[in-house]
Amino acid sequence: MSMTPPAEHELVREGGRVVTVGFDEHDNLVFTGQDLGAYVEEVFGDSEYEFWYTVPAERIAEFAALVGIDPSEPIAGLLARWKGDERFAELQRRMRATGWVRFTCW
């Protein structure tokens, strides 16, 4: 099952983690992440873990306000303000706290 957005922009590439962001065919903002390696295998029993955060298209302006970016240029804002593993960890905390950013994984 692939939920990879058509146009991806890299937010994180550190250690065994890669996270990209882009828009899907419904104009939702989608973060696609993949963790690889021994630690992942120890925790999850598999050496690969994939996850997605989906911001509904109708809530992108609200999301932009929450994370301090321009709603008319969310990708550029995310790349400028939230690039890197430590910053993405904080962004994840904020997304989870909303109750409306959808999280899926396998």
N, C-alpha and C. Protein backbone atom coordinates (compact mmCIF):
# COMPACT_ATOMS: atom_id res chain seq x y z
N MET A 1 0.85 -1.18 0.00
CA MET A 1 0.00 0.00 0.00
C MET A 1 0.89 1.23 0.00
N SER A 2 0.82 2.04 -1.03
CA SER A 2 1.65 3.23 -1.12
C SER A 2 0.79 4.48 -1.08
N MET A 3 1.13 5.38 -0.16
CA MET A 3 0.42 6.64 -0.07
C MET A 3 1.36 7.79 -0.43
N THR A 4 2.36 7.53 -1.22
CA THR A 4 3.38 8.51 -1.54
C THR A 4 2.78 9.65 -2.37
N PRO A 5 2.95 10.89 -1.90
CA PRO A 5 2.44 12.02 -2.67
C PRO A 5 3.16 12.15 -4.01
N PRO A 6 2.51 12.70 -5.03
CA PRO A 6 3.12 12.79 -6.35
C PRO A 6 4.37 13.68 -6.40
N ALA A 7 4.38 14.78 -5.68
CA ALA A 7 5.54 15.68 -5.67
C ALA A 7 6.08 15.71 -4.25
N GLU A 8 7.27 15.19 -4.05
CA GLU A 8 7.84 15.10 -2.72
C GLU A 8 8.99 16.09 -2.52
N HIS A 9 9.05 16.63 -1.32
CA HIS A 9 10.12 17.54 -0.92
C HIS A 9 10.69 17.00 0.38
N GLU A 10 11.98 16.81 0.44
CA GLU A 10 12.62 16.17 1.58
C GLU A 10 12.73 17.09 2.79
N LEU A 11 12.20 16.64 3.93
CA LEU A 11 12.32 17.35 5.19
C LEU A 11 13.42 16.75 6.07
N VAL A 12 13.56 15.43 6.04
CA VAL A 12 14.52 14.74 6.90
C VAL A 12 15.23 13.66 6.10
N ARG A 13 16.52 13.60 6.24
CA ARG A 13 17.33 12.46 5.79
C ARG A 13 18.49 12.37 6.77
N GLU A 14 18.24 11.62 7.84
CA GLU A 14 19.24 11.49 8.90
C GLU A 14 19.20 10.07 9.43
N GLY A 15 20.38 9.46 9.60
CA GLY A 15 20.44 8.09 10.09
C GLY A 15 19.62 7.20 9.17
N GLY A 16 18.72 6.45 9.74
CA GLY A 16 17.85 5.58 8.96
C GLY A 16 16.49 6.17 8.68
N ARG A 17 16.33 7.48 8.82
CA ARG A 17 15.03 8.12 8.64
C ARG A 17 15.02 9.03 7.42
N VAL A 18 13.93 8.92 6.65
CA VAL A 18 13.66 9.84 5.54
C VAL A 18 12.21 10.28 5.68
N VAL A 19 11.98 11.60 5.60
CA VAL A 19 10.62 12.15 5.64
C VAL A 19 10.49 13.15 4.50
N THR A 20 9.42 12.98 3.73
CA THR A 20 9.13 13.92 2.65
C THR A 20 7.75 14.51 2.87
N VAL A 21 7.48 15.61 2.17
CA VAL A 21 6.16 16.25 2.25
C VAL A 21 5.73 16.65 0.85
N GLY A 22 4.45 16.57 0.60
CA GLY A 22 3.90 16.95 -0.70
C GLY A 22 2.39 16.93 -0.65
N PHE A 23 1.76 17.21 -1.76
CA PHE A 23 0.31 17.19 -1.86
C PHE A 23 -0.14 15.93 -2.58
N ASP A 24 -1.25 15.35 -2.11
CA ASP A 24 -1.80 14.20 -2.82
C ASP A 24 -2.81 14.67 -3.87
N GLU A 25 -3.47 13.73 -4.51
CA GLU A 25 -4.41 14.06 -5.59
C GLU A 25 -5.65 14.81 -5.11
N HIS A 26 -5.87 14.89 -3.78
CA HIS A 26 -7.01 15.61 -3.21
C HIS A 26 -6.58 16.93 -2.57
N ASP A 27 -5.35 17.36 -2.81
CA ASP A 27 -4.76 18.58 -2.25
C ASP A 27 -4.56 18.53 -0.74
N ASN A 28 -4.56 17.32 -0.18
CA ASN A 28 -4.18 17.17 1.22
C ASN A 28 -2.66 17.29 1.30
N LEU A 29 -2.17 17.81 2.40
CA LEU A 29 -0.73 17.89 2.64
C LEU A 29 -0.32 16.59 3.33
N VAL A 30 0.60 15.84 2.72
CA VAL A 30 0.96 14.51 3.23
C VAL A 30 2.45 14.44 3.54
N PHE A 31 2.74 14.03 4.78
CA PHE A 31 4.10 13.76 5.21
C PHE A 31 4.28 12.25 5.12
N THR A 32 5.30 11.80 4.40
CA THR A 32 5.58 10.38 4.24
C THR A 32 6.92 10.09 4.89
N GLY A 33 6.94 9.15 5.83
CA GLY A 33 8.17 8.84 6.54
C GLY A 33 8.53 7.38 6.47
N GLN A 34 9.83 7.12 6.54
CA GLN A 34 10.33 5.76 6.54
C GLN A 34 11.51 5.70 7.50
N ASP A 35 11.45 4.74 8.43
CA ASP A 35 12.55 4.47 9.35
C ASP A 35 13.09 3.09 9.03
N LEU A 36 14.41 2.97 8.97
CA LEU A 36 15.06 1.70 8.63
C LEU A 36 16.16 1.41 9.64
N GLY A 37 16.44 0.12 9.83
CA GLY A 37 17.62 -0.24 10.60
C GLY A 37 17.36 -1.13 11.80
N ALA A 38 18.44 -1.38 12.53
CA ALA A 38 18.42 -2.31 13.66
C ALA A 38 17.49 -1.84 14.77
N TYR A 39 17.51 -0.55 15.08
CA TYR A 39 16.63 -0.04 16.15
C TYR A 39 15.17 -0.27 15.80
N VAL A 40 14.81 -0.01 14.57
CA VAL A 40 13.43 -0.21 14.12
C VAL A 40 13.06 -1.69 14.24
N GLU A 41 13.98 -2.57 13.85
CA GLU A 41 13.72 -4.00 13.95
C GLU A 41 13.56 -4.43 15.40
N GLU A 42 14.36 -3.87 16.29
CA GLU A 42 14.28 -4.20 17.72
C GLU A 42 12.93 -3.77 18.29
N VAL A 43 12.45 -2.60 17.92
CA VAL A 43 11.20 -2.06 18.46
C VAL A 43 9.97 -2.67 17.79
N PHE A 44 9.99 -2.79 16.46
CA PHE A 44 8.80 -3.19 15.72
C PHE A 44 8.86 -4.61 15.16
N GLY A 45 10.01 -5.28 15.27
CA GLY A 45 10.11 -6.63 14.75
C GLY A 45 10.32 -6.70 13.25
N ASP A 46 10.55 -5.56 12.63
CA ASP A 46 10.81 -5.49 11.19
C ASP A 46 11.82 -4.35 11.00
N SER A 47 12.65 -4.46 10.00
CA SER A 47 13.69 -3.44 9.81
C SER A 47 13.17 -2.22 9.06
N GLU A 48 11.87 -2.19 8.74
CA GLU A 48 11.30 -1.05 8.03
C GLU A 48 9.97 -0.65 8.68
N TYR A 49 9.81 0.64 8.86
CA TYR A 49 8.57 1.20 9.43
C TYR A 49 8.21 2.41 8.58
N GLU A 50 7.00 2.44 8.08
CA GLU A 50 6.54 3.59 7.27
C GLU A 50 5.37 4.26 7.96
N PHE A 51 5.31 5.58 7.81
CA PHE A 51 4.20 6.32 8.42
C PHE A 51 3.82 7.51 7.56
N TRP A 52 2.59 7.97 7.77
CA TRP A 52 2.06 9.12 7.05
C TRP A 52 1.28 10.00 7.99
N TYR A 53 1.43 11.30 7.84
CA TYR A 53 0.56 12.29 8.47
C TYR A 53 -0.15 13.00 7.34
N THR A 54 -1.46 13.13 7.43
CA THR A 54 -2.23 13.78 6.39
C THR A 54 -3.00 14.96 6.97
N VAL A 55 -2.71 16.14 6.43
CA VAL A 55 -3.43 17.36 6.81
C VAL A 55 -4.52 17.57 5.76
N PRO A 56 -5.80 17.53 6.17
CA PRO A 56 -6.88 17.70 5.18
C PRO A 56 -6.77 19.05 4.46
N ALA A 57 -7.06 19.04 3.18
CA ALA A 57 -6.95 20.25 2.36
C ALA A 57 -7.69 21.43 2.97
N GLU A 58 -8.87 21.16 3.52
CA GLU A 58 -9.67 22.25 4.08
C GLU A 58 -9.12 22.81 5.40
N ARG A 59 -8.08 22.17 5.94
CA ARG A 59 -7.50 22.65 7.21
C ARG A 59 -6.06 23.11 7.06
N ILE A 60 -5.59 23.28 5.83
CA ILE A 60 -4.20 23.69 5.63
C ILE A 60 -3.94 25.07 6.22
N ALA A 61 -4.87 26.01 6.09
CA ALA A 61 -4.67 27.34 6.67
C ALA A 61 -4.55 27.25 8.20
N GLU A 62 -5.38 26.43 8.81
CA GLU A 62 -5.34 26.23 10.25
C GLU A 62 -4.01 25.58 10.66
N PHE A 63 -3.59 24.59 9.89
CA PHE A 63 -2.31 23.93 10.13
C PHE A 63 -1.16 24.92 10.01
N ALA A 64 -1.20 25.75 8.98
CA ALA A 64 -0.14 26.75 8.76
C ALA A 64 -0.03 27.69 9.95
N ALA A 65 -1.16 28.13 10.49
CA ALA A 65 -1.14 29.00 11.66
C ALA A 65 -0.54 28.27 12.87
N LEU A 66 -0.87 27.00 13.01
CA LEU A 66 -0.38 26.20 14.12
C LEU A 66 1.15 26.05 14.11
N VAL A 67 1.72 25.96 12.90
CA VAL A 67 3.17 25.72 12.81
C VAL A 67 3.95 26.94 12.33
N GLY A 68 3.27 28.08 12.20
CA GLY A 68 3.96 29.33 11.89
C GLY A 68 4.49 29.47 10.48
N ILE A 69 3.69 29.02 9.50
CA ILE A 69 4.11 29.14 8.10
C ILE A 69 3.03 29.85 7.29
N ASP A 70 3.38 30.31 6.11
CA ASP A 70 2.46 30.99 5.20
C ASP A 70 1.54 29.95 4.56
N PRO A 71 0.22 30.07 4.73
CA PRO A 71 -0.70 29.08 4.16
C PRO A 71 -0.71 29.05 2.63
N SER A 72 -0.24 30.12 2.00
CA SER A 72 -0.21 30.13 0.54
C SER A 72 1.02 29.41 -0.01
N GLU A 73 2.00 29.16 0.83
CA GLU A 73 3.24 28.46 0.43
C GLU A 73 3.64 27.45 1.51
N PRO A 74 2.78 26.47 1.79
CA PRO A 74 3.10 25.58 2.92
C PRO A 74 4.37 24.75 2.75
N ILE A 75 4.65 24.29 1.54
CA ILE A 75 5.86 23.47 1.35
C ILE A 75 7.10 24.32 1.63
N ALA A 76 7.17 25.50 1.05
CA ALA A 76 8.33 26.38 1.26
C ALA A 76 8.49 26.70 2.74
N GLY A 77 7.38 26.97 3.42
CA GLY A 77 7.43 27.28 4.85
C GLY A 77 7.92 26.10 5.67
N LEU A 78 7.44 24.92 5.35
CA LEU A 78 7.88 23.73 6.08
C LEU A 78 9.36 23.47 5.86
N LEU A 79 9.83 23.63 4.63
CA LEU A 79 11.24 23.41 4.33
C LEU A 79 12.12 24.43 5.05
N ALA A 80 11.65 25.67 5.14
CA ALA A 80 12.43 26.72 5.78
C ALA A 80 12.45 26.58 7.31
N ARG A 81 11.34 26.17 7.89
CA ARG A 81 11.21 26.21 9.34
C ARG A 81 11.34 24.85 10.04
N TRP A 82 10.98 23.78 9.37
CA TRP A 82 10.85 22.49 10.03
C TRP A 82 11.76 21.39 9.46
N LYS A 83 12.78 21.74 8.73
CA LYS A 83 13.67 20.74 8.13
C LYS A 83 14.63 20.19 9.19
N GLY A 84 14.85 18.88 9.15
CA GLY A 84 15.74 18.22 10.09
C GLY A 84 14.97 17.37 11.09
N ASP A 85 15.64 16.36 11.62
CA ASP A 85 14.98 15.38 12.48
C ASP A 85 14.46 15.98 13.78
N GLU A 86 15.24 16.82 14.44
CA GLU A 86 14.80 17.42 15.71
C GLU A 86 13.59 18.32 15.50
N ARG A 87 13.62 19.13 14.47
CA ARG A 87 12.48 20.01 14.20
C ARG A 87 11.26 19.21 13.79
N PHE A 88 11.48 18.14 13.00
CA PHE A 88 10.34 17.32 12.60
C PHE A 88 9.72 16.63 13.81
N ALA A 89 10.52 16.26 14.80
CA ALA A 89 9.98 15.64 16.02
C ALA A 89 9.00 16.60 16.70
N GLU A 90 9.34 17.87 16.76
CA GLU A 90 8.42 18.87 17.33
C GLU A 90 7.18 19.04 16.45
N LEU A 91 7.36 19.04 15.15
CA LEU A 91 6.24 19.13 14.23
C LEU A 91 5.29 17.94 14.43
N GLN A 92 5.84 16.75 14.60
CA GLN A 92 5.02 15.56 14.87
C GLN A 92 4.19 15.75 16.13
N ARG A 93 4.80 16.26 17.18
CA ARG A 93 4.06 16.49 18.43
C ARG A 93 2.89 17.43 18.19
N ARG A 94 3.12 18.47 17.44
CA ARG A 94 2.05 19.43 17.15
C ARG A 94 0.95 18.80 16.30
N MET A 95 1.34 17.99 15.32
CA MET A 95 0.33 17.35 14.47
C MET A 95 -0.52 16.38 15.28
N ARG A 96 0.11 15.59 16.14
CA ARG A 96 -0.64 14.64 16.96
C ARG A 96 -1.60 15.34 17.90
N ALA A 97 -1.21 16.49 18.40
CA ALA A 97 -2.03 17.22 19.37
C ALA A 97 -3.31 17.80 18.75
N THR A 98 -3.36 17.94 17.44
CA THR A 98 -4.53 18.55 16.82
C THR A 98 -5.78 17.70 16.93
N GLY A 99 -5.63 16.40 16.83
CA GLY A 99 -6.79 15.52 16.81
C GLY A 99 -7.41 15.39 15.42
N TRP A 100 -6.95 16.19 14.45
CA TRP A 100 -7.50 16.13 13.09
C TRP A 100 -6.45 15.85 12.02
N VAL A 101 -5.19 15.90 12.34
CA VAL A 101 -4.17 15.45 11.39
C VAL A 101 -4.16 13.92 11.50
N ARG A 102 -4.43 13.24 10.39
CA ARG A 102 -4.56 11.79 10.41
C ARG A 102 -3.18 11.13 10.36
N PHE A 103 -2.98 10.15 11.23
CA PHE A 103 -1.73 9.38 11.29
C PHE A 103 -2.04 7.95 10.86
N THR A 104 -1.24 7.41 9.95
CA THR A 104 -1.33 6.00 9.58
C THR A 104 0.09 5.44 9.51
N CYS A 105 0.20 4.15 9.71
CA CYS A 105 1.52 3.52 9.66
C CYS A 105 1.38 2.05 9.33
N TRP A 106 2.49 1.45 8.96
CA TRP A 106 2.59 0.00 8.81
C TRP A 106 4.03 -0.41 8.95
